[in-house]
Amino acid sequence: MLHASTSSAHERAAQASSLTTIDLDTIDAAQLARVLSRQIHQPRPQLLIDCGSLRMQRTRGVSHVVSQLLALRQSGAGIWLRNVNPALNTCLRLLQLDQVFKQVD
């Protein structure tokens, strides 16, 4: 189930089919953001992050995860989140980022 109220169902389905899954536990988000920001003539990448398996949230905290997500978003990537746990969901909502990052169930 998608939670993005500003896009049509057709647009969301097209975007979801072209998602690239990344693992924030193994990828340096700052380095990836630098690479993505240099690709200005490429289509905007759509990145899927499975938050249910993030070790970094348990070891570094929710604020670190949000910081990584914001770095990727600032680079121009569209960010899709799967398996968002209640702590991260609450944080995103309180920071008014719940509409910035699309959620896929």
Protein backbone atom coordinates (compact mmCIF):
# COMPACT_ATOMS: atom_id res chain seq x y z
CA MET A 1 0.00 0.00 0.00
CA LEU A 2 1.36 3.43 -0.92
CA HIS A 3 0.89 6.50 1.28
CA ALA A 4 1.55 9.39 -1.10
CA SER A 5 -1.52 11.55 -1.42
CA THR A 6 -0.14 14.02 -3.98
CA SER A 7 0.45 11.54 -6.83
CA SER A 8 -2.07 9.64 -8.87
CA ALA A 9 -2.25 5.88 -8.50
CA HIS A 10 -0.84 5.48 -12.02
CA GLU A 11 2.18 7.71 -11.26
CA ARG A 12 2.86 5.89 -7.98
CA ALA A 13 2.70 2.50 -9.70
CA ALA A 14 5.12 3.65 -12.41
CA GLN A 15 7.55 5.03 -9.85
CA ALA A 16 7.33 1.97 -7.62
CA SER A 17 8.24 -0.28 -10.55
CA SER A 18 11.53 1.58 -11.07
CA LEU A 19 12.75 1.57 -7.46
CA THR A 20 16.36 0.77 -6.63
CA THR A 21 16.72 -0.93 -3.26
CA ILE A 22 19.59 0.30 -1.11
CA ASP A 23 20.82 -0.83 2.29
CA LEU A 24 21.73 2.14 4.47
CA ASP A 25 23.70 -0.17 6.76
CA THR A 26 26.19 -0.94 3.98
CA ILE A 27 26.11 2.18 1.81
CA ASP A 28 27.64 5.51 2.79
CA ALA A 29 24.66 7.84 2.27
CA ALA A 30 26.86 10.96 2.04
CA GLN A 31 29.01 9.40 -0.69
CA LEU A 32 25.95 8.15 -2.60
CA ALA A 33 24.38 11.62 -2.29
CA ARG A 34 27.52 13.20 -3.81
CA VAL A 35 27.41 10.77 -6.74
CA LEU A 36 23.71 11.35 -7.30
CA SER A 37 24.02 15.13 -7.13
CA ARG A 38 26.57 15.04 -9.99
CA GLN A 39 24.13 13.24 -12.28
CA ILE A 40 22.01 16.29 -13.07
CA HIS A 41 21.09 15.15 -16.57
CA GLN A 42 19.90 11.71 -15.44
CA PRO A 43 16.32 10.91 -14.42
CA ARG A 44 15.70 11.39 -10.71
CA PRO A 45 16.58 8.08 -9.00
CA GLN A 46 13.90 6.41 -6.89
CA LEU A 47 15.45 4.65 -3.88
CA LEU A 48 13.71 2.07 -1.70
CA ILE A 49 14.92 1.58 1.86
CA ASP A 50 13.68 -1.30 4.02
CA CYS A 51 13.62 0.32 7.45
CA GLY A 52 12.62 -2.89 9.19
CA SER A 53 16.10 -4.33 8.82
CA LEU A 54 18.19 -1.23 9.61
CA ARG A 55 20.79 -2.00 12.25
CA MET A 56 21.87 1.65 12.31
CA GLN A 57 18.59 2.72 13.87
CA ARG A 58 19.26 0.46 16.84
CA THR A 59 22.94 1.37 17.13
CA ARG A 60 22.99 5.06 16.11
CA GLY A 61 19.38 6.13 16.67
CA VAL A 62 16.44 7.47 14.74
CA SER A 63 18.04 10.89 14.23
CA HIS A 64 20.93 9.30 12.34
CA VAL A 65 18.52 7.46 10.03
CA VAL A 66 16.60 10.70 9.36
CA SER A 67 19.88 12.49 8.64
CA GLN A 68 20.85 9.82 6.10
CA LEU A 69 17.44 10.01 4.44
CA LEU A 70 17.65 13.80 4.21
CA ALA A 71 21.11 13.64 2.63
CA LEU A 72 19.82 11.31 -0.06
CA ARG A 73 16.72 13.44 -0.62
CA GLN A 74 18.82 16.60 -0.91
CA SER A 75 20.83 14.95 -3.68
CA GLY A 76 17.66 14.77 -5.76
CA ALA A 77 16.64 11.19 -5.10
CA GLY A 78 13.08 10.17 -4.43
CA ILE A 79 12.99 8.16 -1.21
CA TRP A 80 10.55 5.31 -0.62
CA LEU A 81 10.41 3.62 2.79
CA ARG A 82 9.24 0.10 3.60
CA ASN A 83 8.57 -1.39 7.04
CA VAL A 84 8.77 1.91 8.91
CA ASN A 85 8.67 1.15 12.64
CA PRO A 86 6.62 3.27 15.06
CA ALA A 87 9.62 5.24 16.41
CA LEU A 88 10.80 6.32 12.96
CA ASN A 89 7.23 6.97 11.81
CA THR A 90 6.58 9.23 14.81
CA CYS A 91 9.84 11.09 14.25
CA LEU A 92 9.06 11.67 10.56
CA ARG A 93 5.58 12.89 11.44
CA LEU A 94 6.80 15.27 14.16
CA LEU A 95 9.43 16.70 11.81
CA GLN A 96 6.75 17.01 9.11
CA LEU A 97 8.74 14.70 6.84
CA ASP A 98 6.03 12.06 6.53
CA GLN A 99 4.92 13.64 3.23
CA VAL A 100 8.49 14.00 1.94
CA PHE A 101 9.31 10.30 2.18
CA LYS A 102 6.80 7.98 0.52
CA GLN A 103 5.91 4.79 2.34
CA VAL A 104 5.35 1.40 0.72
CA ASP A 105 3.83 -1.45 2.69
